[in-house]
C-alpha cells in the first residue's frame, strides 16, 4: 500500500502562502496592483504608441475586460440564435436600470462577419438584481453547454478569420489548447458544406501539454465534427506525417498561436502586473522562433501561416517574424491583410525597438550589452532579440504585421502576422519542384516540336482542305516514335492554357538561384555560404529527440 501525503489540519479557508516562515495573505481582486514601473518604462521607451496616447493605453489596460462570445454551430443554427438574441433579449436589457444606472446591452462586434461575434459588460452583481439579465445569463450558459455559443476573447477570434480556411484544406493548429481558435477552424471547414455532408478537409489540433490536450478533446467534442484529430507533441518538434505511399503530408493552413508572456492580457490576468519582467520575452523568443520555423517546413508552397501572440512585446512579435523570414531568404513573405476585417482597428508592425538589460539599460546592438547585465542564455540570442538592418526591415514589409491595442476597441492586446510560403524550403520540396520543372519542360519541348512539324506538313500542302482545323488528328513521326500533333490552331490554344494550369498546379519554384540548393549536409553552395543543417524530419536530428 503506497504512502499518501499527510493531510494538513491547519486553519481552513484563510488562503495564503508561506514566505520566510510567515503566512502571506492572498489579496482580494480589488486590492491587486494594476501598475508596474518596469512595464511602464519598457513600453514608453519602445514607443509602441505615441507619448500622448500611452496614458490612455495604460488606463484601459487597468480596467476589467468585457465579456465576449461567439455564435457557433451550423449556419442555420447560428442565424437563429443571433435573431433570438436580437429580438428576445437585447430590447429588454436596454430598459434595465440598476441603482438608477443604465446597463450596456449586448452588441455585435463591428468587425466580426455576419454579426456572430458579440460583446457586453454586465457586472456580476447586476445578474442578481434583474430578471432580464438573469434570463440572458441562463440562456448563454445553456447554449454554451450545447455547443452553440463559445466564450472567447474578441481579439482571439482574429487569427482564424485571417487564416482563410476552406472546406478542402488540411489545417494544423500547432498550439491549440484550450480550443477556442480550433473550434473556429473546424467551423470554417463546415461553412460551405451541406448539413448532411462532411467536408473533405481536416483540422489537426496539437498541444504540447497532455492535460491541456485532454481538455482540448472535451472542447472539440461539443462541435460533433468528425474532421478533427488531436495530437500531443511539442510544436517545435511536430513530426512529419506520411501518407499511404510514404510521402510527407504538408498542410494548406497552419495556425501558430505560440506560448507568450501574455502582457496583453492584463485586463483579465491582473497578476501579470506584479510578475511582469522583460526576461520573460527573452526566455520565450527562441522557442517561438523554432515553432514558426517548423511550421514553415510543414506548410505547402502557396499555403498560409498565421503567427499570433497575446503580447505587446516586439521581442516576441516582430523579432520572431523578421528573423524567421530572413532565415528562409525569400521563401516566406508577409501578406498585406489591411483590407481584411476593415472595421477592426489596428496599428502596423514595428520596425525598430531596443533590448532591455537586467539593470534597466536599453541597447540597440549586442556589442553594447555588458556580460553582467544579461544571463548567458540571453547573450547567446541577443541578435535575435533585436531588429535587422533598417533596409532589410523595409524589404520584409514589417508594417504588414498587425498590432491590436486595448484602448482602440475595448479589447485585449494582441499581435498577428499573416505569412505566405512562396517557394519550397526543404530538400525534398526542392527535389520534387526540380523534377516537376524538368517534366513540364520536356512536355513543353515535345508540344513545340509537334507544332513545328505540323506547320511544316501544312506548308508542304499535305493537309486536306476541309472545314475542320488544319491537320486535325494527323500523326507525325518524330525520332522513330509516333506522337499525335496538336489538333489545329484552336486546340493548340486550349492545350497551351491547360499546360499553363498544369504548371501552376504542379510547381511553384523559386528563382533559378534555388537550383543550386543548399546541401543537406552543410556543404557550401554556389554563393560560397555554408548552409545550416535543416532536416526534413526532426526525429532524425539527434538534437530534436522525440517526446518521452
Protein backbone atom coordinates (compact mmCIF):
# COMPACT_ATOMS: atom_id res chain seq x y z
CA UNK A 1 0.00 0.00 0.00
CA UNK A 2 1.50 3.28 -1.12
CA UNK A 3 2.20 6.14 1.19
CA UNK A 4 -0.05 9.13 0.61
CA UNK A 5 0.53 12.73 1.52
CA UNK A 6 -0.26 13.73 5.08
CA UNK A 7 -3.37 15.82 5.47
CA UNK A 8 -2.99 19.31 6.82
CA UNK A 9 -5.18 20.15 9.79
CA UNK A 10 -4.20 23.81 9.93
CA UNK A 11 -6.54 26.74 9.57
CA UNK A 12 -9.09 26.35 6.79
CA UNK A 13 -10.37 28.83 4.28
CA UNK A 14 -7.94 31.66 5.04
CA UNK A 15 -5.72 31.04 2.00
CA UNK A 16 -2.26 32.48 1.55
CA UNK A 17 1.23 31.08 1.28
CA UNK A 18 4.32 30.91 3.49
CA UNK A 19 7.20 33.31 2.87
CA UNK A 20 10.18 33.17 5.27
CA UNK A 21 8.06 31.29 7.78
CA UNK A 22 5.26 33.86 7.76
CA UNK A 23 1.87 33.49 6.17
CA UNK A 24 1.32 35.80 3.23
CA UNK A 25 -2.33 36.69 2.87
CA UNK A 26 -3.90 36.45 -0.57
CA UNK A 27 -5.09 39.80 -1.82
CA UNK A 28 -8.62 40.40 -2.99
CA UNK A 29 -9.14 41.09 -6.68
CA UNK A 30 -9.80 44.77 -5.98
CA UNK A 31 -6.57 45.05 -3.98
CA UNK A 32 -4.25 43.71 -6.69
CA UNK A 33 -1.81 46.22 -8.16
CA UNK A 34 -2.53 47.44 -11.67
CA UNK A 35 0.74 49.12 -12.47
CA UNK A 36 4.39 48.23 -12.88
CA UNK A 37 7.23 50.77 -13.14
CA UNK A 38 9.38 48.45 -15.21
CA UNK A 39 6.46 47.72 -17.56
CA UNK A 40 5.78 51.42 -17.97
CA UNK A 41 9.46 52.24 -18.58
CA UNK A 42 9.90 49.43 -21.09
CA UNK A 43 6.94 50.27 -23.32
CA UNK A 44 7.46 54.01 -23.06
CA UNK A 45 10.99 53.53 -24.40
CA UNK A 46 9.83 51.16 -27.14
CA UNK A 47 7.26 53.76 -28.26
CA UNK A 48 4.60 51.21 -29.13
CA UNK A 49 2.18 54.18 -29.20
CA UNK A 50 2.73 57.92 -29.16
CA UNK A 51 3.61 59.70 -25.92
CA UNK A 52 0.19 61.38 -25.81
CA UNK A 53 -1.62 58.09 -26.39
CA UNK A 54 0.30 56.00 -23.84
CA UNK A 55 -1.71 57.17 -20.73
CA UNK A 56 -4.95 56.11 -22.45
CA UNK A 57 -3.46 52.70 -23.24
CA UNK A 58 -2.34 52.19 -19.63
CA UNK A 59 -5.68 53.31 -18.22
CA UNK A 60 -7.58 50.88 -20.45
CA UNK A 61 -5.24 48.01 -19.52
CA UNK A 62 -6.18 48.52 -15.85
CA UNK A 63 -9.91 48.08 -16.45
CA UNK A 64 -11.84 44.79 -16.48
CA UNK A 65 -12.19 43.12 -19.87
CA UNK A 66 -15.77 42.94 -21.21
CA UNK A 67 -17.39 39.57 -21.84
CA UNK A 68 -17.27 38.28 -25.41
CA UNK A 69 -18.87 35.27 -27.02
CA UNK A 70 -19.14 33.78 -30.47
CA UNK A 71 -22.16 32.07 -32.01
CA UNK A 72 -21.18 28.65 -33.38
CA UNK A 73 -22.94 25.65 -34.86
CA UNK A 74 -24.19 25.28 -38.44
CA UNK A 75 -25.06 28.35 -40.50
CA UNK A 76 -28.82 27.96 -39.91
CA UNK A 77 -28.43 27.42 -36.14
CA UNK A 78 -26.12 30.43 -35.84
CA UNK A 79 -28.59 32.66 -37.67
CA UNK A 80 -31.48 31.53 -35.46
CA UNK A 81 -29.53 32.17 -32.26
CA UNK A 82 -28.43 35.61 -33.47
CA UNK A 83 -32.03 36.58 -34.23
CA UNK A 84 -33.18 35.25 -30.86
CA UNK A 85 -30.64 37.41 -29.03
CA UNK A 86 -31.56 40.49 -31.05
CA UNK A 87 -35.32 40.12 -30.65
CA UNK A 88 -35.85 38.41 -27.28
CA UNK A 89 -33.04 39.76 -25.09
CA UNK A 90 -31.46 42.98 -26.35
CA UNK A 91 -34.66 45.13 -26.36
CA UNK A 92 -35.48 44.21 -22.76
CA UNK A 93 -31.91 44.57 -21.45
CA UNK A 94 -31.80 48.12 -22.83
CA UNK A 95 -34.63 49.04 -20.48
CA UNK A 96 -32.92 47.65 -17.38
CA UNK A 97 -31.75 50.10 -14.70
CA UNK A 98 -29.55 49.03 -11.79
CA UNK A 99 -29.43 51.58 -8.97
CA UNK A 100 -30.63 54.18 -11.47
CA UNK A 101 -27.84 53.47 -13.97
CA UNK A 102 -28.27 52.05 -17.47
CA UNK A 103 -26.81 48.66 -18.38
CA UNK A 104 -24.89 48.30 -21.64
CA UNK A 105 -26.87 45.91 -23.79
CA UNK A 106 -25.08 43.12 -25.70
CA UNK A 107 -23.99 44.28 -29.14
CA UNK A 108 -22.28 42.58 -32.11
CA UNK A 109 -18.60 43.21 -32.73
CA UNK A 110 -18.48 45.57 -35.75
CA UNK A 111 -15.68 43.65 -37.49
CA UNK A 112 -16.82 40.04 -36.98
CA UNK A 113 -18.55 38.56 -40.08
CA UNK A 114 -22.33 38.13 -40.08
CA UNK A 115 -22.68 39.61 -36.56
CA UNK A 116 -21.75 36.26 -34.99
CA UNK A 117 -19.29 37.82 -32.50
CA UNK A 118 -20.80 39.65 -29.51
CA UNK A 119 -19.68 41.76 -26.55
CA UNK A 120 -21.28 43.04 -23.34
CA UNK A 121 -20.20 44.47 -20.00
CA UNK A 122 -22.63 43.39 -17.30
CA UNK A 123 -21.35 43.28 -13.69
CA UNK A 124 -21.93 40.02 -11.88
CA UNK A 125 -23.91 41.77 -9.16
CA UNK A 126 -26.35 43.05 -11.78
CA UNK A 127 -27.32 39.49 -12.70
CA UNK A 128 -28.87 39.05 -9.25
CA UNK A 129 -30.81 42.32 -9.38
CA UNK A 130 -32.53 41.92 -12.76
CA UNK A 131 -34.73 39.10 -14.04
CA UNK A 132 -33.95 40.00 -17.68
CA UNK A 133 -30.21 39.81 -17.10
CA UNK A 134 -30.53 36.55 -15.16
CA UNK A 135 -32.53 35.02 -18.01
CA UNK A 136 -29.93 36.13 -20.55
CA UNK A 137 -27.15 34.65 -18.41
CA UNK A 138 -29.01 31.33 -18.16
CA UNK A 139 -29.51 31.34 -21.94
CA UNK A 140 -25.77 31.80 -22.53
CA UNK A 141 -24.88 29.02 -20.09
CA UNK A 142 -27.31 26.57 -21.72
CA UNK A 143 -26.25 27.31 -25.28
CA UNK A 144 -22.57 27.08 -24.30
CA UNK A 145 -23.09 23.60 -22.86
CA UNK A 146 -24.83 22.53 -26.06
CA UNK A 147 -22.04 23.96 -28.20
CA UNK A 148 -23.97 26.72 -29.96
CA UNK A 149 -22.08 29.51 -28.16
CA UNK A 150 -18.40 29.76 -27.21
CA UNK A 151 -16.94 32.19 -24.68
CA UNK A 152 -13.90 33.70 -26.34
CA UNK A 153 -11.97 36.94 -26.06
CA UNK A 154 -12.62 39.25 -29.02
CA UNK A 155 -9.02 39.55 -30.27
CA UNK A 156 -8.63 35.79 -30.02
CA UNK A 157 -11.19 35.46 -32.81
CA UNK A 158 -8.99 37.35 -35.29
CA UNK A 159 -6.27 34.77 -36.26
CA UNK A 160 -8.64 32.03 -37.50
CA UNK A 161 -10.51 34.59 -39.61
CA UNK A 162 -7.29 35.71 -41.31
CA UNK A 163 -6.19 32.12 -41.94
CA UNK A 164 -8.85 31.87 -44.68
CA UNK A 165 -9.73 28.18 -44.20
CA UNK A 166 -11.81 26.39 -46.84
CA UNK A 167 -13.66 23.08 -46.72
CA UNK A 168 -10.96 21.09 -48.58
CA UNK A 169 -7.97 22.35 -46.55
CA UNK A 170 -5.73 20.32 -44.27
CA UNK A 171 -5.15 22.60 -41.30
CA UNK A 172 -2.71 22.39 -38.37
CA UNK A 173 -3.21 24.23 -35.08
CA UNK A 174 0.24 23.86 -33.51
CA UNK A 175 -0.60 25.17 -30.01
CA UNK A 176 -4.32 24.51 -29.86
CA UNK A 177 -5.42 24.36 -26.20
CA UNK A 178 -7.82 25.42 -24.79
CA UNK A 179 -9.51 25.08 -28.18
CA UNK A 180 -11.50 28.23 -28.92
CA UNK A 181 -9.49 29.00 -32.07
CA UNK A 182 -9.55 25.33 -33.07
CA UNK A 183 -13.34 25.43 -32.90
CA UNK A 184 -13.33 28.36 -35.31
CA UNK A 185 -11.13 26.41 -37.73
CA UNK A 186 -13.45 23.40 -37.59
CA UNK A 187 -16.47 25.62 -38.19
CA UNK A 188 -14.73 27.15 -41.22
CA UNK A 189 -14.45 23.65 -42.76
CA UNK A 190 -18.23 23.21 -42.49
CA UNK A 191 -19.33 26.69 -43.63
CA UNK A 192 -19.97 25.89 -47.32
CA UNK A 193 -20.90 22.24 -46.79
CA UNK A 194 -24.47 20.97 -46.52
CA UNK A 195 -25.61 19.82 -43.08
CA UNK A 196 -25.92 16.21 -44.24
CA UNK A 197 -22.44 16.15 -45.80
CA UNK A 198 -18.89 16.03 -44.46
CA UNK A 199 -16.13 18.32 -45.75
CA UNK A 200 -13.06 16.76 -47.31
CA UNK A 201 -10.70 18.86 -45.17
CA UNK A 202 -9.20 18.09 -41.77
CA UNK A 203 -8.04 20.00 -38.69
CA UNK A 204 -5.11 18.59 -36.69
CA UNK A 205 -5.19 20.17 -33.23
CA UNK A 206 -1.90 19.79 -31.37
CA UNK A 207 -0.75 20.79 -27.90
CA UNK A 208 2.46 20.02 -26.05
CA UNK A 209 0.80 19.65 -22.64
CA UNK A 210 -1.01 16.32 -22.10
CA UNK A 211 -3.63 17.66 -19.70
CA UNK A 212 -4.40 20.60 -21.94
CA UNK A 213 -4.68 18.21 -24.90
CA UNK A 214 -7.27 16.23 -22.95
CA UNK A 215 -9.17 19.45 -22.25
CA UNK A 216 -8.94 20.17 -25.95
CA UNK A 217 -10.66 16.86 -26.74
CA UNK A 218 -13.50 17.80 -24.38
CA UNK A 219 -13.92 21.18 -26.08
CA UNK A 220 -13.90 19.74 -29.59
CA UNK A 221 -16.44 17.05 -28.71
CA UNK A 222 -19.07 19.77 -28.32
CA UNK A 223 -18.84 20.52 -32.04
CA UNK A 224 -19.68 16.97 -33.13
CA UNK A 225 -17.38 17.12 -36.17
CA UNK A 226 -15.55 14.02 -37.49
CA UNK A 227 -12.95 16.22 -39.20
CA UNK A 228 -10.68 16.74 -36.17
CA UNK A 229 -7.59 14.91 -34.93
CA UNK A 230 -5.99 15.81 -31.57
CA UNK A 231 -2.26 15.18 -31.09
CA UNK A 232 0.18 15.67 -28.22
CA UNK A 233 3.61 16.84 -29.47
CA UNK A 234 5.92 19.74 -28.86
CA UNK A 235 5.16 22.31 -31.53
CA UNK A 236 8.80 22.86 -32.47
CA UNK A 237 9.23 19.07 -32.89
CA UNK A 238 5.96 18.23 -34.57
CA UNK A 239 6.67 15.04 -36.54
CA UNK A 240 6.37 14.61 -40.28
CA UNK A 241 3.12 12.83 -41.16
CA UNK A 242 3.33 10.42 -44.09
CA UNK A 243 0.54 9.04 -46.29
CA UNK A 244 0.00 5.52 -47.61
CA UNK A 245 2.76 5.85 -50.20
CA UNK A 246 5.17 7.23 -47.59
CA UNK A 247 5.06 10.78 -48.91
CA UNK A 248 5.28 13.66 -46.44
CA UNK A 249 1.93 15.35 -45.84
CA UNK A 250 2.05 19.14 -45.91
CA UNK A 251 -0.63 21.49 -44.65
CA UNK A 252 -2.62 24.13 -46.53
CA UNK A 253 -3.02 26.32 -43.45
CA UNK A 254 -1.15 26.47 -40.12
CA UNK A 255 -2.05 28.48 -37.02
CA UNK A 256 0.85 29.32 -34.68
CA UNK A 257 -0.69 30.90 -31.59
CA UNK A 258 2.53 30.41 -29.67
CA UNK A 259 3.23 30.47 -25.90
CA UNK A 260 4.00 34.05 -24.84
CA UNK A 261 4.45 36.30 -21.82
CA UNK A 262 0.81 37.39 -22.10
CA UNK A 263 1.32 41.02 -21.12
CA UNK A 264 -1.56 41.97 -23.42
CA UNK A 265 -3.97 40.14 -21.10
CA UNK A 266 -3.65 42.41 -18.02
CA UNK A 267 -7.39 43.15 -18.18
CA UNK A 268 -8.24 39.56 -17.28
CA UNK A 269 -4.94 38.33 -15.76
CA UNK A 270 -4.33 41.06 -13.21
CA UNK A 271 -1.33 39.30 -11.66
CA UNK A 272 0.64 39.97 -14.83
CA UNK A 273 1.22 43.46 -13.44
CA UNK A 274 3.22 42.31 -10.42
CA UNK A 275 5.03 39.44 -12.17
CA UNK A 276 5.98 41.15 -15.43
CA UNK A 277 9.64 41.12 -16.46
CA UNK A 278 11.43 41.75 -19.77
CA UNK A 279 13.29 38.46 -19.20
CA UNK A 280 10.05 36.55 -19.84
CA UNK A 281 10.13 37.55 -23.51
CA UNK A 282 13.86 36.78 -23.74
CA UNK A 283 13.24 33.24 -22.47
CA UNK A 284 10.36 32.58 -24.89
CA UNK A 285 11.81 34.08 -28.08
CA UNK A 286 13.98 31.03 -29.05
CA UNK A 287 11.02 28.65 -28.61
CA UNK A 288 8.73 30.90 -30.65
CA UNK A 289 11.27 31.02 -33.48
CA UNK A 290 11.58 27.22 -33.51
CA UNK A 291 7.80 26.75 -33.67
CA UNK A 292 7.43 29.17 -36.57
CA UNK A 293 10.36 27.59 -38.43
CA UNK A 294 8.86 24.14 -38.01
CA UNK A 295 5.54 25.44 -39.32
CA UNK A 296 7.32 26.74 -42.43
CA UNK A 297 8.63 23.24 -43.20
CA UNK A 298 5.20 21.66 -42.68
CA UNK A 299 3.40 24.16 -44.93
CA UNK A 300 2.70 23.62 -48.62
CA UNK A 301 4.14 26.07 -51.11
CA UNK A 302 1.36 28.61 -51.62
CA UNK A 303 -0.05 27.92 -48.15
CA UNK A 304 -0.60 30.40 -45.31
CA UNK A 305 0.63 30.66 -41.72
CA UNK A 306 -0.86 32.95 -39.09
CA UNK A 307 1.56 33.73 -36.25
CA UNK A 308 -0.04 35.33 -33.19
CA UNK A 309 0.61 36.17 -29.53
CA UNK A 310 -1.28 37.94 -26.75
CA UNK A 311 1.83 40.01 -26.04
CA UNK A 312 2.76 43.60 -26.88
CA UNK A 313 6.49 42.90 -26.73
CA UNK A 314 8.33 43.26 -30.09
CA UNK A 315 10.88 40.65 -28.92
CA UNK A 316 8.08 38.05 -29.07
CA UNK A 317 6.40 39.51 -32.14
CA UNK A 318 8.25 41.38 -34.87
CA UNK A 319 11.64 39.97 -33.82
CA UNK A 320 10.42 36.41 -34.30
CA UNK A 321 8.75 37.09 -37.64
CA UNK A 322 11.65 39.13 -39.06
CA UNK A 323 14.36 36.62 -38.17
CA UNK A 324 12.38 33.64 -39.48
CA UNK A 325 11.61 35.40 -42.77
CA UNK A 326 15.26 36.41 -43.09
CA UNK A 327 16.39 32.84 -42.30
CA UNK A 328 14.48 31.38 -45.26
CA UNK A 329 15.77 34.01 -47.71
CA UNK A 330 12.64 34.85 -49.67
CA UNK A 331 10.73 31.58 -49.32
CA UNK A 332 8.27 33.29 -46.94
CA UNK A 333 6.62 36.68 -47.26
CA UNK A 334 4.26 38.78 -45.17
CA UNK A 335 0.75 39.10 -46.60
CA UNK A 336 -0.94 42.50 -46.66
CA UNK A 337 -4.26 41.98 -44.83
CA UNK A 338 -5.07 45.66 -44.33
CA UNK A 339 -8.17 45.19 -46.50
CA UNK A 340 -9.50 42.24 -44.46
CA UNK A 341 -11.79 42.85 -41.46
CA UNK A 342 -11.88 46.58 -42.33
CA UNK A 343 -13.83 47.55 -39.19
CA UNK A 344 -11.09 46.14 -36.94
CA UNK A 345 -8.88 48.97 -35.63
CA UNK A 346 -5.21 48.08 -35.74
CA UNK A 347 -1.71 49.51 -35.93
CA UNK A 348 1.14 48.45 -38.26
CA UNK A 349 4.07 46.32 -37.11
CA UNK A 350 7.16 47.92 -35.58
CA UNK A 351 10.50 48.20 -37.37
CA UNK A 352 12.69 49.47 -34.52
CA UNK A 353 12.96 48.59 -30.84
CA UNK A 354 15.60 48.14 -28.15
CA UNK A 355 16.85 45.39 -25.85
CA UNK A 356 16.34 45.96 -22.12
CA UNK A 357 19.07 44.53 -19.88
CA UNK A 358 18.57 43.46 -16.27
CA UNK A 359 19.94 46.74 -14.96
CA UNK A 360 17.22 48.62 -16.86
CA UNK A 361 19.52 49.93 -19.58
CA UNK A 362 18.45 49.85 -23.24
CA UNK A 363 20.65 48.77 -26.15
CA UNK A 364 20.48 48.92 -29.95
CA UNK A 365 23.35 46.50 -30.51
CA UNK A 366 24.56 43.26 -28.86
CA UNK A 367 28.07 44.72 -28.57
CA UNK A 368 26.94 47.32 -26.03
CA UNK A 369 25.40 44.77 -23.62
CA UNK A 370 27.69 44.06 -20.69
CA UNK A 371 28.03 40.45 -19.56
CA UNK A 372 26.92 41.31 -16.01
CA UNK A 373 23.56 42.68 -17.22
CA UNK A 374 22.34 39.57 -19.07
CA UNK A 375 22.39 35.84 -18.48
CA UNK A 376 24.48 33.53 -20.63
CA UNK A 377 21.37 32.22 -22.40
CA UNK A 378 20.19 35.75 -23.11
CA UNK A 379 23.56 36.80 -24.52
CA UNK A 380 23.53 33.79 -26.84
CA UNK A 381 20.35 35.06 -28.57
CA UNK A 382 20.90 38.82 -28.42
CA UNK A 383 20.90 39.23 -32.20
CA UNK A 384 17.52 37.50 -32.41
CA UNK A 385 16.06 39.94 -29.87
CA UNK A 386 16.96 43.00 -31.94
CA UNK A 387 15.68 44.17 -35.34
CA UNK A 388 17.53 43.58 -38.60
CA UNK A 389 19.01 46.47 -40.56
CA UNK A 390 16.51 49.23 -41.48
CA UNK A 391 16.85 48.36 -45.16
CA UNK A 392 16.10 44.70 -44.53
CA UNK A 393 13.12 45.51 -42.30
CA UNK A 394 11.71 47.62 -45.13
CA UNK A 395 12.29 44.80 -47.63
CA UNK A 396 10.36 42.38 -45.41
CA UNK A 397 7.44 44.85 -45.16
CA UNK A 398 7.18 44.53 -41.39
CA UNK A 399 4.43 47.15 -41.42
CA UNK A 400 2.14 44.37 -42.70
CA UNK A 401 2.11 42.85 -39.22
CA UNK A 402 -0.92 43.75 -37.12
CA UNK A 403 -0.91 45.21 -33.59
CA UNK A 404 -4.20 45.41 -31.67
CA UNK A 405 -4.15 47.68 -28.61
CA UNK A 406 -6.76 47.51 -25.79
CA UNK A 407 -7.84 51.16 -25.98
CA UNK A 408 -8.68 51.06 -29.70
CA UNK A 409 -11.85 48.94 -29.45
CA UNK A 410 -12.14 47.91 -25.79
CA UNK A 411 -10.30 44.59 -26.23
CA UNK A 412 -7.15 42.87 -25.02
CA UNK A 413 -3.71 43.36 -26.56
CA UNK A 414 -2.74 41.12 -29.50
CA UNK A 415 -0.26 40.65 -32.34
CA UNK A 416 -0.95 38.92 -35.67
CA UNK A 417 1.25 38.27 -38.71
CA UNK A 418 -0.04 36.51 -41.85
CA UNK A 419 2.73 34.70 -43.74
CA UNK A 420 2.64 33.01 -47.16
CA UNK A 421 5.07 30.38 -48.40
CA UNK A 422 6.10 31.33 -51.94
CA UNK A 423 8.94 28.86 -52.57
CA UNK A 424 9.99 25.37 -51.43
CA UNK A 425 12.21 25.15 -48.36
CA UNK A 426 13.18 21.59 -47.53
CA UNK A 427 15.45 19.36 -49.61
CA UNK A 428 12.55 17.07 -50.50
CA UNK A 429 10.41 20.00 -51.61
CA UNK A 430 13.16 21.39 -53.82
CA UNK A 431 13.81 17.96 -55.33
CA UNK A 432 10.12 17.49 -56.18
CA UNK A 433 9.97 21.01 -57.59
CA UNK A 434 13.01 20.38 -59.80
CA UNK A 435 11.55 17.08 -61.03
CA UNK A 436 8.24 18.78 -61.80
CA UNK A 437 10.05 21.59 -63.62
CA UNK A 438 12.01 19.10 -65.72
CA UNK A 439 8.85 17.12 -66.50
CA UNK A 440 6.98 20.23 -67.60
CA UNK A 441 9.96 21.43 -69.65
CA UNK A 442 10.01 18.14 -71.58
CA UNK A 443 6.28 18.38 -72.24
CA UNK A 444 6.66 21.94 -73.50
CA UNK A 445 9.52 20.90 -75.81
CA UNK A 446 7.50 17.93 -77.12
CA UNK A 447 4.49 20.08 -77.88
CA UNK A 448 6.65 22.73 -79.53
CA UNK A 449 8.27 20.07 -81.72
CA UNK A 450 4.86 18.69 -82.67
CA UNK A 451 3.62 22.19 -83.51
CA UNK A 452 6.67 22.86 -85.71
CA UNK A 453 6.24 19.56 -87.51
CA UNK A 454 2.55 20.33 -88.01
CA UNK A 455 3.42 23.71 -89.55
CA UNK A 456 5.95 22.06 -91.84
CA UNK A 457 3.44 19.49 -93.06
CA UNK A 458 0.82 22.19 -93.63
CA UNK A 459 3.35 24.28 -95.61
CA UNK A 460 4.18 21.32 -97.85
CA UNK A 461 0.49 21.12 -98.77
CA UNK A 462 -0.01 17.65 -97.41
CA UNK A 463 -3.11 18.64 -95.45
CA UNK A 464 -6.51 18.19 -97.00
CA UNK A 465 -8.59 21.38 -97.08
CA UNK A 466 -11.73 20.83 -95.03
CA UNK A 467 -13.90 22.78 -92.62
CA UNK A 468 -12.03 21.17 -89.75
CA UNK A 469 -8.91 22.72 -88.14
CA UNK A 470 -5.70 22.18 -90.11
CA UNK A 471 -4.01 18.80 -89.69
CA UNK A 472 -6.60 17.52 -87.24
CA UNK A 473 -5.51 14.28 -85.57
CA UNK A 474 -2.64 13.85 -88.07
CA UNK A 475 0.12 11.55 -86.96
CA UNK A 476 3.64 12.88 -87.10
CA UNK A 477 6.71 10.77 -86.85
CA UNK A 478 9.37 12.18 -84.57
CA UNK A 479 12.57 10.29 -83.77
CA UNK A 480 11.05 6.96 -84.58
CA UNK A 481 8.17 7.36 -82.11
CA UNK A 482 4.69 8.34 -83.22
CA UNK A 483 3.21 11.39 -81.49
CA UNK A 484 -0.18 12.96 -82.01
CA UNK A 485 0.03 16.51 -83.42
CA UNK A 486 -1.92 19.28 -81.79
CA UNK A 487 -5.46 19.41 -83.12
CA UNK A 488 -5.45 22.63 -85.09
CA UNK A 489 -4.89 26.16 -84.03
CA UNK A 490 -7.89 26.26 -81.68
CA UNK A 491 -6.85 23.02 -79.99
CA UNK A 492 -3.31 24.37 -79.64
CA UNK A 493 -4.60 27.39 -77.72
CA UNK A 494 -6.59 25.14 -75.38
CA UNK A 495 -3.59 22.88 -74.89
CA UNK A 496 -1.39 25.84 -74.05
CA UNK A 497 -3.90 27.04 -71.44
CA UNK A 498 -4.13 23.55 -69.93
CA UNK A 499 -0.35 23.39 -69.78
CA UNK A 500 -0.21 26.73 -68.01
CA UNK A 501 -2.74 25.47 -65.49
CA UNK A 502 -0.72 22.32 -65.01
CA UNK A 503 2.40 24.40 -64.49
CA UNK A 504 0.68 26.34 -61.72
CA UNK A 505 -0.68 23.21 -60.09
CA UNK A 506 2.46 21.13 -60.37
CA UNK A 507 5.12 23.56 -59.29
CA UNK A 508 5.82 26.86 -57.65
CA UNK A 509 9.56 27.20 -57.81
CA UNK A 510 11.80 29.94 -56.53
CA UNK A 511 14.24 31.74 -58.80
CA UNK A 512 16.89 29.82 -60.58
CA UNK A 513 19.29 30.53 -57.75
CA UNK A 514 17.47 27.86 -55.80
CA UNK A 515 18.65 25.33 -58.39
CA UNK A 516 21.96 25.32 -56.62
CA UNK A 517 20.08 24.44 -53.45
CA UNK A 518 21.89 24.22 -50.15
CA UNK A 519 23.16 20.73 -49.50
CA UNK A 520 21.58 19.00 -46.53
CA UNK A 521 24.97 18.08 -45.18
CA UNK A 522 26.08 21.71 -44.89
CA UNK A 523 28.41 21.84 -47.95
CA UNK A 524 28.95 25.29 -49.45
CA UNK A 525 26.51 26.41 -52.14
CA UNK A 526 27.23 28.46 -55.28
CA UNK A 527 27.38 31.63 -53.25
CA UNK A 528 30.12 30.29 -51.03
CA UNK A 529 27.93 30.19 -47.91
CA UNK A 530 27.67 27.12 -45.74
CA UNK A 531 24.02 26.27 -45.25
CA UNK A 532 22.78 25.07 -41.84
CA UNK A 533 21.64 21.50 -41.45
CA UNK A 534 17.85 21.65 -41.69
CA UNK A 535 16.38 18.12 -41.64
CA UNK A 536 13.03 17.41 -43.23
CA UNK A 537 12.14 15.08 -40.40
CA UNK A 538 13.13 16.41 -36.95
CA UNK A 539 13.08 12.91 -35.46
CA UNK A 540 16.23 12.12 -37.45
CA UNK A 541 18.07 15.02 -35.87
CA UNK A 542 19.70 13.88 -32.60
CA UNK A 543 19.27 17.42 -31.25
CA UNK A 544 15.49 17.10 -31.58
CA UNK A 545 14.65 13.93 -29.76
CA UNK A 546 11.06 12.81 -29.70
CA UNK A 547 8.96 13.43 -26.61
CA UNK A 548 9.21 10.71 -23.98
